[in-house]
Amino acid sequence: MPHRKSLSPIARLLLDAYHETIEKIKQLLEKRSRIIIVHGNDTAEIQAVLKSYLSSYGKVMAVDAINLSIRAHANRFRSNAKYILVRNLEKLSPEYLEDALLFIENLAQKRRYVIIVTESLARLDPSISRIAEHVEVRNPGFKKIKKLLKYIFNCDDIPEELIESLLGLSFNQITFIIKKALDENLNPLNPETIRMLRRRYFGVPEIKRVRWEDLGGIEKIKSMLYERIVLPYRKIELTKKLGYKLPKGILLVGPPGTGKTSIALALANELGWNFYELGIGRILSSSSIVGEGEREIMEVFEKARKSAPSIILIDEIDGIGMIRGIDPNESWRAPLLLTLLSEIDGVRGSEGILVIATTNRPDRLDPALLRRFDLVIEVPLPDGKAREEIFRIHLKDAIRNNLLDASVDFGTLVKETEGFSGAEIAHICEAAKAKAIKENTKITMDMLLNAIKEYKERKKRLLSQLTEWDIAPAFLFT
């Protein structure tokens, strides 16, 4: 290990930042692991730290994968380096990849150590992933960000809100944002400035702004989530001392239109974590290319792990989580399920990763998938009290602006919408608003009742047109 006193302050800071990574690599080298993949966001910094560390134990050579492949193909690779750092392997085209992989295996057989540095493990060819050990470099947590900011600003008093606004970013991204703030004569110690620049330059996934007060009839669910998830994470030290096992997976179950996705979004906004959505439709469409759907799943989970604390939302998880043995499309859907199970297992041991899934068909879910969720919460159709609350939420602007006619009777509306979901009530309210705009008047009781009547007739007509084939279990025809 390089003598710390001989290093620059920034070099010492980087060595401290990647201390866990170095320790994992040290253990693998002691076990004589000849091929190691190190994956993380700041590949240049990771490579610099590894080169500094490994140089104390032998000669180190850093080489681009394309250069390595060309030289290997022409038999012009000449180096007695003990450690070979390879970058950009994921960018190799297929015609170069085979030569590079054969040469890497040849180097390992000659008792060399090959360390592949890449941004994403999911983007590497599976043939190299299978023969290598993996070391994941996660983005810095609260303490490491605080240490970095103390060095940058030469100040001990770093606001906690500023640190929280940078959680989930890599060291490189953090220094880039601070530099941009200074370049634009903005205050880099202002959390709002940092959030604005973060959205602009790094396209942080935006969470749809759903608040608890926007949702009606879910007080019990909100209370449970607040008690089991929000408070324990906010009081994390006490949570650890009590030995409370933080839920790592939540499954929201209920009929369509009951607000399952909105509940997940409201929880994500409440926690303020980084947010990633695993699009089932996109995964199914990309599965026409062998291995691409599995890669999509791995990439989302990898991003979430590296930028923890993070929430992963899997809407309509039954699209790939069906019971094995009864799915006629199991031959191509089963690998997706196995990959999903593996990735969920991979984050269960991680701190600050929460998987939230929704389904209206829990009977279709594979038992192995169901076991991965610590909390299974039913989101039922709203009762009378909840339906009135939902009406009031969707008509609140009209009420506030005195555009709701005195004739509107919420008790009657509740009776007329027995068995309606929250989404259906929202549709009724929007139809009445459109009528009021057309007639340039207030929303009246007749407008709302007519909207309900028209919706019921349209729904009845649609259901009468369905055949027994249409109402059979959907998975038989996917």
Protein backbone atom coordinates (compact mmCIF):
# COMPACT_ATOMS: atom_id res chain seq x y z
CA MET A 1 0.00 0.00 0.00
CA PRO A 2 1.41 3.46 -0.88
CA HIS A 3 2.63 5.40 2.15
CA ARG A 4 -0.24 7.76 3.03
CA LYS A 5 2.05 10.68 3.88
CA SER A 6 3.48 10.63 0.37
CA LEU A 7 0.02 10.98 -1.19
CA SER A 8 -1.83 14.18 -2.03
CA PRO A 9 -4.92 15.04 0.07
CA ILE A 10 -7.27 14.11 -2.78
CA ALA A 11 -5.46 10.77 -3.30
CA ARG A 12 -5.84 9.99 0.41
CA LEU A 13 -9.52 10.95 0.17
CA LEU A 14 -10.04 8.57 -2.75
CA LEU A 15 -8.26 5.72 -0.96
CA ASP A 16 -10.56 6.24 2.03
CA ALA A 17 -13.60 6.45 -0.24
CA TYR A 18 -12.83 3.15 -1.94
CA HIS A 19 -11.48 1.40 1.16
CA GLU A 20 -14.21 -1.30 1.13
CA THR A 21 -13.59 -1.98 -2.57
CA ILE A 22 -9.85 -2.35 -2.00
CA GLU A 23 -10.44 -4.72 0.91
CA LYS A 24 -12.76 -6.94 -1.20
CA ILE A 25 -10.21 -7.06 -4.03
CA LYS A 26 -7.43 -7.81 -1.54
CA GLN A 27 -9.41 -10.81 -0.24
CA LEU A 28 -10.02 -12.10 -3.78
CA LEU A 29 -6.34 -11.74 -4.68
CA GLU A 30 -5.38 -13.67 -1.54
CA LYS A 31 -7.73 -16.43 -2.74
CA ARG A 32 -5.85 -16.40 -6.08
CA SER A 33 -8.86 -15.16 -8.06
CA ARG A 34 -7.28 -14.39 -11.42
CA ILE A 35 -10.15 -12.56 -13.14
CA ILE A 36 -12.08 -9.88 -11.22
CA ILE A 37 -14.79 -7.52 -12.46
CA VAL A 38 -15.06 -4.21 -10.58
CA HIS A 39 -18.19 -2.30 -11.55
CA GLY A 40 -19.12 1.21 -10.46
CA ASN A 41 -19.93 4.66 -11.83
CA ASP A 42 -16.55 6.43 -11.55
CA THR A 43 -14.41 4.06 -13.63
CA ALA A 44 -11.52 6.52 -14.05
CA GLU A 45 -11.28 7.14 -10.30
CA ILE A 46 -11.67 3.43 -9.50
CA GLN A 47 -8.89 2.55 -11.93
CA ALA A 48 -6.61 5.25 -10.48
CA VAL A 49 -7.15 3.97 -6.93
CA LEU A 50 -6.55 0.34 -7.96
CA LYS A 51 -3.39 1.27 -9.83
CA SER A 52 -2.10 3.17 -6.81
CA TYR A 53 -2.89 0.29 -4.48
CA LEU A 54 -1.65 -2.59 -6.65
CA SER A 55 1.63 -0.88 -7.61
CA SER A 56 2.95 -1.74 -4.14
CA TYR A 57 2.63 -5.45 -4.92
CA GLY A 58 3.85 -5.65 -8.49
CA LYS A 59 3.91 -4.04 -11.90
CA VAL A 60 0.56 -2.71 -13.09
CA MET A 61 -0.56 -2.16 -16.67
CA ALA A 62 -3.76 -0.30 -17.62
CA VAL A 63 -5.09 -1.05 -21.09
CA ASP A 64 -8.20 -0.31 -23.15
CA ALA A 65 -10.11 -3.44 -24.18
CA ILE A 66 -10.06 -2.50 -27.88
CA ASN A 67 -6.29 -2.03 -27.79
CA LEU A 68 -5.90 -5.29 -25.88
CA SER A 69 -8.00 -7.18 -28.42
CA ILE A 70 -6.15 -5.80 -31.45
CA ARG A 71 -2.74 -6.52 -29.93
CA ALA A 72 -3.86 -10.00 -28.85
CA HIS A 73 -5.20 -10.77 -32.33
CA ALA A 74 -1.90 -9.69 -33.91
CA ASN A 75 0.09 -11.51 -31.22
CA ARG A 76 1.78 -8.24 -30.29
CA PHE A 77 0.99 -8.09 -26.58
CA ARG A 78 4.26 -7.74 -24.67
CA SER A 79 4.12 -7.04 -20.97
CA ASN A 80 5.43 -8.63 -17.81
CA ALA A 81 2.90 -6.80 -15.63
CA LYS A 82 1.50 -8.84 -12.75
CA TYR A 83 -1.76 -6.89 -12.69
CA ILE A 84 -3.60 -5.87 -15.86
CA LEU A 85 -6.44 -3.36 -15.56
CA VAL A 86 -8.87 -3.57 -18.49
CA ARG A 87 -11.42 -0.87 -19.24
CA ASN A 88 -14.21 -0.49 -21.84
CA LEU A 89 -14.71 -4.22 -22.28
CA GLU A 90 -18.49 -3.69 -22.48
CA LYS A 91 -17.97 -1.46 -25.56
CA LEU A 92 -16.25 -4.13 -27.66
CA SER A 93 -18.08 -5.21 -30.81
CA PRO A 94 -18.67 -8.99 -31.21
CA GLU A 95 -15.81 -9.44 -33.73
CA TYR A 96 -13.28 -8.18 -31.15
CA LEU A 97 -14.89 -9.65 -28.05
CA GLU A 98 -13.96 -13.30 -28.65
CA ASP A 99 -10.25 -12.49 -29.09
CA ALA A 100 -10.26 -10.34 -25.95
CA LEU A 101 -11.95 -13.03 -23.82
CA LEU A 102 -9.62 -15.78 -25.00
CA PHE A 103 -6.63 -13.58 -24.29
CA ILE A 104 -7.90 -12.68 -20.79
CA GLU A 105 -8.31 -16.38 -19.98
CA ASN A 106 -4.79 -17.01 -21.34
CA LEU A 107 -3.36 -14.31 -19.08
CA ALA A 108 -5.10 -15.87 -16.07
CA GLN A 109 -3.61 -19.26 -16.93
CA LYS A 110 -0.16 -17.59 -16.95
CA ARG A 111 -0.74 -16.55 -13.32
CA ARG A 112 -1.50 -12.92 -14.14
CA TYR A 113 -4.30 -11.01 -12.47
CA VAL A 114 -6.84 -9.40 -14.80
CA ILE A 115 -9.09 -6.74 -13.26
CA ILE A 116 -11.89 -5.51 -15.52
CA VAL A 117 -13.24 -2.06 -14.63
CA THR A 118 -16.71 -1.29 -15.98
CA GLU A 119 -19.69 0.95 -15.25
CA SER A 120 -22.29 -1.81 -15.56
CA LEU A 121 -22.03 -5.53 -14.93
CA ALA A 122 -25.31 -6.05 -16.82
CA ARG A 123 -23.74 -4.70 -20.03
CA LEU A 124 -20.84 -7.16 -19.99
CA ASP A 125 -21.03 -10.32 -22.03
CA PRO A 126 -22.34 -13.16 -19.79
CA SER A 127 -19.43 -15.39 -20.86
CA ILE A 128 -16.93 -13.14 -19.04
CA SER A 129 -19.24 -12.58 -16.04
CA ARG A 130 -19.45 -16.33 -15.46
CA ILE A 131 -15.68 -16.86 -15.14
CA ALA A 132 -14.95 -13.80 -12.98
CA GLU A 133 -15.42 -12.71 -9.40
CA HIS A 134 -17.52 -9.55 -8.98
CA VAL A 135 -16.92 -6.47 -6.82
CA GLU A 136 -19.65 -3.82 -6.85
CA VAL A 137 -18.64 -0.22 -6.05
CA ARG A 138 -21.59 1.63 -4.62
CA ASN A 139 -21.97 5.38 -4.59
CA PRO A 140 -20.89 7.07 -1.34
CA GLY A 141 -23.19 7.15 1.66
CA PHE A 142 -23.90 9.97 4.10
CA LYS A 143 -20.57 9.87 5.97
CA LYS A 144 -18.37 9.70 2.86
CA ILE A 145 -20.23 12.56 1.18
CA LYS A 146 -19.82 14.64 4.34
CA LYS A 147 -16.08 13.94 4.36
CA LEU A 148 -15.78 14.92 0.68
CA LEU A 149 -17.71 18.17 1.21
CA LYS A 150 -15.58 19.05 4.23
CA TYR A 151 -12.50 18.73 2.03
CA ILE A 152 -13.99 20.68 -0.90
CA PHE A 153 -15.37 23.56 1.17
CA ASN A 154 -12.69 23.43 3.90
CA CYS A 155 -15.50 23.59 6.40
CA ASP A 156 -16.69 21.33 9.22
CA ASP A 157 -20.26 22.62 9.37
CA ILE A 158 -21.92 20.86 6.43
CA PRO A 159 -25.77 21.04 6.41
CA GLU A 160 -27.44 17.62 6.56
CA GLU A 161 -29.97 18.66 3.91
CA LEU A 162 -27.11 19.38 1.51
CA ILE A 163 -25.66 15.90 2.06
CA GLU A 164 -29.09 14.32 1.56
CA SER A 165 -29.54 16.21 -1.73
CA LEU A 166 -26.39 14.46 -3.03
CA LEU A 167 -27.19 10.92 -1.87
CA GLY A 168 -27.17 8.44 -4.72
CA LEU A 169 -24.55 10.30 -6.79
CA SER A 170 -20.98 9.18 -7.36
CA PHE A 171 -17.92 11.21 -6.28
CA ASN A 172 -17.40 12.36 -9.84
CA GLN A 173 -21.00 13.48 -10.18
CA ILE A 174 -20.87 15.35 -6.86
CA THR A 175 -17.75 17.33 -7.78
CA PHE A 176 -19.21 18.01 -11.26
CA ILE A 177 -22.39 19.52 -9.76
CA ILE A 178 -20.44 21.70 -7.32
CA LYS A 179 -18.20 22.95 -10.15
CA LYS A 180 -21.27 23.78 -12.27
CA ALA A 181 -22.81 25.72 -9.36
CA LEU A 182 -19.64 27.79 -9.02
CA ASP A 183 -19.41 28.30 -12.81
CA GLU A 184 -22.95 29.68 -12.85
CA ASN A 185 -22.38 31.89 -9.76
CA LEU A 186 -24.82 29.82 -7.71
CA ASN A 187 -24.45 28.88 -4.06
CA PRO A 188 -23.15 25.26 -3.93
CA LEU A 189 -24.15 25.03 -0.25
CA ASN A 190 -27.82 25.56 -1.10
CA PRO A 191 -29.63 22.16 -1.30
CA GLU A 192 -32.24 23.55 -3.74
CA THR A 193 -29.47 24.64 -6.11
CA ILE A 194 -27.92 21.17 -5.93
CA ARG A 195 -31.28 19.47 -6.62
CA MET A 196 -31.91 21.72 -9.62
CA LEU A 197 -28.48 21.01 -11.13
CA ARG A 198 -28.85 17.31 -10.36
CA ARG A 199 -32.11 17.14 -12.32
CA ARG A 200 -30.61 19.13 -15.20
CA TYR A 201 -27.38 17.19 -15.69
CA PHE A 202 -28.05 13.68 -14.48
CA GLY A 203 -31.71 13.18 -15.34
CA VAL A 204 -32.55 11.84 -11.91
CA PRO A 205 -35.75 9.83 -12.37
CA GLU A 206 -38.64 12.15 -11.53
CA ILE A 207 -41.30 10.74 -9.24
CA LYS A 208 -44.83 11.75 -10.09
CA ARG A 209 -45.86 14.15 -7.32
CA VAL A 210 -48.42 12.09 -5.43
CA ARG A 211 -49.11 13.07 -1.82
CA TRP A 212 -51.03 11.16 0.83
CA GLU A 213 -53.67 13.92 0.90
CA ASP A 214 -54.31 13.27 -2.82
CA LEU A 215 -55.53 9.76 -1.98
CA GLY A 216 -58.83 8.96 -0.32
CA GLY A 217 -59.89 6.04 1.83
CA ILE A 218 -56.44 4.66 2.62
CA GLU A 219 -55.89 5.89 6.19
CA LYS A 220 -55.22 2.38 7.53
CA ILE A 221 -52.75 1.61 4.75
CA LYS A 222 -51.01 4.96 5.17
CA SER A 223 -50.76 4.42 8.94
CA MET A 224 -49.28 0.94 8.47
CA LEU A 225 -46.68 2.12 5.93
CA TYR A 226 -45.74 5.08 8.10
CA GLU A 227 -45.31 2.84 11.15
CA ARG A 228 -43.52 -0.05 9.41
CA ILE A 229 -41.44 1.84 6.80
CA VAL A 230 -41.20 5.63 7.12
CA LEU A 231 -40.55 6.04 10.86
CA PRO A 232 -38.06 3.14 11.18
CA TYR A 233 -35.99 4.52 8.29
CA ARG A 234 -36.09 8.05 9.74
CA LYS A 235 -35.01 6.71 13.14
CA ILE A 236 -32.47 4.30 11.71
CA GLU A 237 -30.11 4.27 14.72
CA LEU A 238 -32.92 3.39 17.15
CA THR A 239 -34.22 0.84 14.62
CA LYS A 240 -30.82 -0.91 14.59
CA LYS A 241 -30.51 -0.87 18.38
CA LEU A 242 -33.95 -2.46 18.74
CA GLY A 243 -33.08 -5.11 16.15
CA TYR A 244 -36.13 -4.26 14.06
CA LYS A 245 -36.03 -6.00 10.68
CA LEU A 246 -36.77 -3.37 8.08
CA PRO A 247 -39.13 -4.62 5.35
CA LYS A 248 -37.29 -4.91 2.04
CA GLY A 249 -40.30 -5.83 -0.08
CA ILE A 250 -43.91 -4.61 -0.19
CA LEU A 251 -46.63 -6.16 -2.35
CA LEU A 252 -49.79 -4.09 -2.88
CA VAL A 253 -52.73 -6.29 -3.87
CA GLY A 254 -56.14 -5.12 -5.08
CA PRO A 255 -58.57 -4.68 -7.99
CA PRO A 256 -57.70 -2.33 -10.86
CA GLY A 257 -58.22 1.36 -10.13
CA THR A 258 -57.89 1.17 -6.35
CA GLY A 259 -54.75 3.34 -6.24
CA LYS A 260 -52.01 0.76 -5.71
CA THR A 261 -49.50 2.58 -7.92
CA SER A 262 -50.45 5.95 -6.38
CA ILE A 263 -49.81 4.54 -2.88
CA ALA A 264 -46.35 3.37 -3.98
CA LEU A 265 -45.61 6.82 -5.46
CA ALA A 266 -46.86 8.59 -2.31
CA LEU A 267 -44.54 6.44 -0.18
CA ALA A 268 -41.62 7.18 -2.52
CA ASN A 269 -42.30 10.92 -2.22
CA GLU A 270 -42.61 10.65 1.56
CA LEU A 271 -39.20 8.96 1.87
CA GLY A 272 -37.57 11.19 -0.76
CA TRP A 273 -35.34 8.37 -2.03
CA ASN A 274 -34.02 7.79 -5.53
CA PHE A 275 -36.71 6.15 -7.61
CA TYR A 276 -36.50 3.48 -10.31
CA GLU A 277 -39.34 1.80 -12.16
CA LEU A 278 -39.03 -1.66 -13.65
CA GLY A 279 -41.28 -1.44 -16.70
CA ILE A 280 -42.88 -4.85 -17.20
CA GLY A 281 -44.14 -3.91 -20.68
CA ARG A 282 -40.68 -2.87 -21.80
CA ILE A 283 -39.13 -6.06 -20.40
CA LEU A 284 -41.67 -8.26 -22.17
CA SER A 285 -41.19 -6.44 -25.48
CA SER A 286 -37.39 -6.59 -25.25
CA SER A 287 -37.52 -10.32 -24.48
CA SER A 288 -37.85 -11.00 -28.22
CA ILE A 289 -34.05 -10.62 -28.16
CA VAL A 290 -32.53 -13.48 -26.16
CA GLY A 291 -31.22 -12.25 -22.80
CA GLU A 292 -32.27 -8.62 -23.25
CA GLY A 293 -35.20 -8.77 -20.80
CA GLU A 294 -32.97 -10.29 -18.13
CA ARG A 295 -30.40 -7.57 -18.78
CA GLU A 296 -33.06 -4.87 -18.34
CA ILE A 297 -33.95 -6.30 -14.91
CA MET A 298 -30.32 -6.54 -13.83
CA GLU A 299 -29.57 -2.98 -14.94
CA VAL A 300 -32.43 -1.42 -12.96
CA PHE A 301 -31.45 -3.28 -9.78
CA GLU A 302 -27.77 -2.46 -10.31
CA LYS A 303 -28.53 1.27 -10.65
CA ALA A 304 -30.71 1.17 -7.53
CA ARG A 305 -28.01 -0.57 -5.47
CA LYS A 306 -25.30 1.85 -6.51
CA SER A 307 -27.42 4.93 -5.80
CA ALA A 308 -29.05 3.77 -2.55
CA PRO A 309 -31.22 4.77 -0.77
CA SER A 310 -33.55 3.75 -3.59
CA ILE A 311 -37.04 2.48 -4.28
CA ILE A 312 -37.73 0.04 -7.12
CA LEU A 313 -41.35 0.02 -8.30
CA ILE A 314 -42.57 -3.05 -10.22
CA ASP A 315 -46.08 -2.30 -11.45
CA GLU A 316 -48.22 -5.30 -12.47
CA ILE A 317 -45.54 -7.78 -11.42
CA ASP A 318 -47.79 -10.70 -12.44
CA GLY A 319 -46.68 -9.94 -16.03
CA ILE A 320 -43.47 -11.90 -15.38
CA GLY A 321 -44.12 -13.45 -11.97
CA MET A 322 -46.60 -16.17 -12.91
CA ILE A 323 -46.75 -19.57 -11.24
CA ARG A 324 -44.34 -21.90 -12.97
CA GLY A 325 -45.86 -25.01 -14.49
CA ILE A 326 -49.15 -23.48 -15.72
CA ASP A 327 -47.84 -20.66 -17.93
CA PRO A 328 -47.95 -21.65 -21.64
CA ASN A 329 -45.18 -19.12 -22.33
CA GLU A 330 -42.95 -20.42 -19.54
CA SER A 331 -40.09 -21.27 -21.91
CA TRP A 332 -39.26 -17.60 -22.45
CA ARG A 333 -40.87 -16.06 -19.34
CA ALA A 334 -39.23 -18.33 -16.74
CA PRO A 335 -35.71 -16.84 -17.21
CA LEU A 336 -37.19 -13.39 -16.48
CA LEU A 337 -38.73 -14.67 -13.23
CA LEU A 338 -35.51 -16.40 -12.16
CA THR A 339 -33.53 -13.23 -12.83
CA LEU A 340 -36.05 -11.16 -10.86
CA LEU A 341 -35.90 -13.58 -7.91
CA SER A 342 -32.10 -13.46 -7.95
CA GLU A 343 -32.01 -9.66 -8.05
CA ILE A 344 -34.54 -9.29 -5.22
CA ASP A 345 -32.41 -11.67 -3.14
CA GLY A 346 -29.39 -9.53 -4.00
CA VAL A 347 -30.90 -6.37 -2.49
CA ARG A 348 -32.37 -7.97 0.62
CA GLY A 349 -29.00 -7.76 2.32
CA SER A 350 -28.51 -4.15 1.25
CA GLU A 351 -29.35 -1.16 3.38
CA GLY A 352 -31.65 1.45 1.90
CA ILE A 353 -33.23 -0.58 -0.93
CA LEU A 354 -37.00 -1.07 -0.98
CA VAL A 355 -38.85 -3.10 -3.64
CA ILE A 356 -42.53 -2.20 -4.08
CA ALA A 357 -44.69 -4.29 -6.40
CA THR A 358 -48.35 -4.13 -7.38
CA THR A 359 -50.76 -6.73 -8.74
CA ASN A 360 -54.48 -7.31 -9.17
CA ARG A 361 -53.90 -11.05 -9.62
CA PRO A 362 -52.08 -12.41 -6.54
CA ASP A 363 -53.41 -15.87 -7.42
CA ARG A 364 -51.12 -15.85 -10.47
CA LEU A 365 -47.91 -15.09 -8.58
CA ASP A 366 -45.29 -17.78 -8.12
CA PRO A 367 -44.97 -18.81 -4.42
CA ALA A 368 -41.21 -18.21 -4.54
CA LEU A 369 -41.88 -14.61 -5.58
CA LEU A 370 -44.53 -14.07 -2.90
CA ARG A 371 -42.05 -15.19 -0.22
CA ARG A 372 -39.73 -12.31 -1.18
CA PHE A 373 -42.22 -9.72 0.13
CA ASP A 374 -42.23 -8.96 3.86
CA LEU A 375 -45.47 -6.98 3.70
CA VAL A 376 -48.47 -7.98 1.58
CA ILE A 377 -51.07 -5.20 1.82
CA GLU A 378 -54.60 -5.47 0.45
CA VAL A 379 -55.96 -2.35 -1.25
CA PRO A 380 -59.72 -3.01 -1.49
CA LEU A 381 -62.45 -1.15 -3.34
CA PRO A 382 -63.42 1.96 -1.35
CA ASP A 383 -66.31 1.78 1.10
CA GLY A 384 -68.96 4.51 1.41
CA LYS A 385 -66.88 6.82 3.60
CA ALA A 386 -63.85 6.40 1.34
CA ARG A 387 -65.91 7.08 -1.81
CA GLU A 388 -67.15 10.38 -0.37
CA GLU A 389 -63.58 11.32 0.50
CA ILE A 390 -62.45 10.50 -3.06
CA PHE A 391 -65.26 12.64 -4.51
CA ARG A 392 -64.23 15.55 -2.29
CA ILE A 393 -60.57 15.20 -3.28
CA HIS A 394 -61.34 15.28 -7.00
CA LEU A 395 -63.79 18.17 -6.61
CA LYS A 396 -61.68 20.18 -4.15
CA ASP A 397 -60.73 22.87 -6.69
CA ALA A 398 -64.37 23.40 -7.63
CA ILE A 399 -65.28 23.59 -3.94
CA ARG A 400 -62.49 26.05 -3.20
CA ASN A 401 -63.43 28.28 -6.13
CA ASN A 402 -67.19 28.13 -5.36
CA LEU A 403 -67.88 26.25 -8.60
CA LEU A 404 -69.74 23.33 -7.03
CA ASP A 405 -73.49 23.85 -7.06
CA ALA A 406 -75.41 23.62 -3.78
CA SER A 407 -77.50 20.83 -5.30
CA VAL A 408 -74.60 18.36 -5.06
CA ASP A 409 -75.41 15.72 -2.43
CA PHE A 410 -72.42 13.54 -1.56
CA GLY A 411 -74.60 10.98 0.24
CA THR A 412 -76.51 10.25 -2.99
CA LEU A 413 -73.28 10.10 -4.99
CA VAL A 414 -71.92 7.52 -2.56
CA LYS A 415 -75.04 5.34 -2.94
CA GLU A 416 -74.93 5.59 -6.74
CA THR A 417 -71.28 4.50 -6.93
CA GLU A 418 -71.46 1.31 -4.87
CA GLY A 419 -68.68 -1.01 -6.12
CA PHE A 420 -66.81 1.76 -7.96
CA SER A 421 -63.04 2.06 -7.72
CA GLY A 422 -61.20 5.30 -6.99
CA ALA A 423 -60.18 5.54 -10.64
CA GLU A 424 -63.81 5.22 -11.77
CA ILE A 425 -64.91 7.99 -9.38
CA ALA A 426 -62.09 10.18 -10.71
CA HIS A 427 -63.43 9.53 -14.24
CA ILE A 428 -66.95 10.58 -13.17
CA CYS A 429 -65.64 13.84 -11.69
CA GLU A 430 -63.62 14.68 -14.80
CA ALA A 431 -66.64 14.03 -17.05
CA ALA A 432 -68.75 16.42 -14.91
CA LYS A 433 -66.01 19.08 -15.04
CA ALA A 434 -65.87 18.82 -18.83
CA LYS A 435 -69.67 19.31 -18.97
CA ALA A 436 -69.45 22.36 -16.72
CA ILE A 437 -66.75 23.89 -18.95
CA LYS A 438 -68.89 23.28 -22.04
CA GLU A 439 -71.96 24.92 -20.45
CA ASN A 440 -69.90 27.63 -18.70
CA THR A 441 -71.55 26.95 -15.36
CA LYS A 442 -70.99 25.31 -11.97
CA ILE A 443 -70.82 21.55 -11.52
CA THR A 444 -74.34 20.43 -10.70
CA MET A 445 -75.78 17.27 -9.18
CA ASP A 446 -77.41 16.41 -12.52
CA MET A 447 -74.02 16.57 -14.27
CA LEU A 448 -72.52 14.12 -11.80
CA LEU A 449 -75.54 11.76 -11.87
CA ASN A 450 -75.62 11.79 -15.68
CA ALA A 451 -71.88 11.02 -15.75
CA ILE A 452 -72.48 8.07 -13.41
CA LYS A 453 -75.43 6.84 -15.49
CA GLU A 454 -73.50 7.08 -18.78
CA TYR A 455 -70.50 5.30 -17.26
CA LYS A 456 -72.66 2.45 -15.92
CA GLU A 457 -74.38 2.00 -19.29
CA ARG A 458 -71.08 2.03 -21.16
CA LYS A 459 -69.59 -0.49 -18.74
CA LYS A 460 -72.68 -2.75 -18.97
CA ARG A 461 -72.61 -2.58 -22.77
CA LEU A 462 -68.93 -3.48 -22.85
CA LEU A 463 -69.38 -6.42 -20.46
CA SER A 464 -72.32 -7.76 -22.49
CA GLN A 465 -70.11 -7.89 -25.57
CA LEU A 466 -67.50 -10.04 -23.86
CA THR A 467 -67.50 -13.74 -24.58
CA GLU A 468 -66.48 -16.54 -22.27
CA TRP A 469 -63.09 -16.39 -23.98
CA ASP A 470 -62.65 -12.73 -23.06
CA ILE A 471 -63.26 -13.31 -19.38
CA ALA A 472 -61.07 -16.42 -19.12
CA PRO A 473 -57.80 -16.01 -17.16
CA ALA A 474 -55.68 -13.58 -19.14
CA PHE A 475 -52.48 -15.61 -18.82
CA LEU A 476 -53.89 -18.27 -21.14
CA PHE A 477 -53.77 -15.83 -24.02
CA THR A 478 -50.60 -13.79 -23.42
